[in-house]
Amino acid sequence: MVGVSIALLGTADGPTLTRRFDAHAQSGRVLDPLQERSWGAYVGQVVDRFGIRWLIGCGDDERAMRECE
């Protein structure tokens, strides 16, 4: 597939999103590490083994940020 991308932003708790990011990164490649951004959210991008680009992150509230760390 060419041009397919999926965003998982705040769709689950921080630990779940971190596990998903790590799982895709393990068999794919990291484009942008999952890390804290200037606006306070944790966001990263990875391409999985099928070539699908994933934007994964969690919110900018204090609880969400602690969960993503």
Protein backbone atom coordinates (compact mmCIF):
# COMPACT_ATOMS: atom_id res chain seq x y z
CA MET A 1 0.00 0.00 0.00
CA VAL A 2 1.24 3.45 -0.81
CA GLY A 3 0.12 6.56 1.00
CA VAL A 4 -1.71 4.87 3.85
CA SER A 5 -1.38 6.45 7.28
CA ILE A 6 -3.22 5.94 10.54
CA ALA A 7 -3.36 8.25 13.57
CA LEU A 8 -3.84 6.93 17.09
CA LEU A 9 -3.97 10.10 19.14
CA GLY A 10 -5.39 9.77 22.62
CA THR A 11 -7.28 6.63 21.66
CA ALA A 12 -5.94 4.66 24.64
CA ASP A 13 -3.98 5.15 27.83
CA GLY A 14 -0.30 6.06 27.66
CA PRO A 15 1.17 2.60 28.36
CA THR A 16 -1.03 1.01 25.67
CA LEU A 17 -0.01 3.60 23.07
CA THR A 18 3.65 3.18 24.02
CA ARG A 19 3.38 -0.60 23.57
CA ARG A 20 1.74 -0.12 20.16
CA PHE A 21 4.47 2.29 19.07
CA ASP A 22 7.21 -0.11 20.23
CA ALA A 23 5.56 -3.08 18.50
CA HIS A 24 5.36 -1.27 15.15
CA ALA A 25 8.92 0.03 15.54
CA GLN A 26 10.26 -3.47 16.24
CA SER A 27 9.32 -4.79 12.81
CA GLY A 28 9.36 -1.44 10.98
CA ARG A 29 11.28 1.80 11.32
CA VAL A 30 10.94 4.87 13.50
CA LEU A 31 10.48 8.13 11.61
CA ASP A 32 10.15 10.29 14.70
CA PRO A 33 10.60 8.87 18.23
CA LEU A 34 7.75 8.92 20.71
CA GLN A 35 8.72 11.93 22.81
CA GLU A 36 7.34 15.01 24.52
CA ARG A 37 6.56 17.85 22.13
CA SER A 38 6.68 21.59 22.73
CA TRP A 39 2.90 21.70 23.25
CA GLY A 40 3.10 19.06 26.01
CA ALA A 41 1.81 15.93 24.26
CA TYR A 42 3.82 12.78 23.56
CA VAL A 43 3.79 11.97 19.84
CA GLY A 44 5.86 9.81 17.48
CA GLN A 45 5.72 8.35 13.98
CA VAL A 46 6.65 4.90 12.76
CA VAL A 47 6.30 2.94 9.52
CA ASP A 48 5.30 -0.68 10.11
CA ARG A 49 6.56 -3.70 8.17
CA PHE A 50 3.72 -3.27 5.66
CA GLY A 51 4.68 0.33 4.87
CA ILE A 52 1.79 1.88 6.80
CA ARG A 53 2.71 5.11 8.55
CA TRP A 54 1.46 5.46 12.14
CA LEU A 55 1.15 8.70 14.10
CA ILE A 56 0.83 7.63 17.73
CA GLY A 57 0.48 9.87 20.75
CA CYS A 58 -1.30 10.81 23.91
CA GLY A 59 -2.74 14.02 25.26
CA ASP A 60 -1.35 17.09 26.85
CA ASP A 61 -3.00 16.82 30.25
CA GLU A 62 -0.76 15.99 33.22
CA ARG A 63 -2.12 12.48 33.81
CA ALA A 64 -1.78 11.49 30.16
CA MET A 65 1.80 12.73 30.00
CA ARG A 66 2.79 10.70 33.08
CA GLU A 67 1.27 7.61 31.49
CA CYS A 68 3.22 8.07 28.24
CA GLU A 69 6.60 8.45 29.93
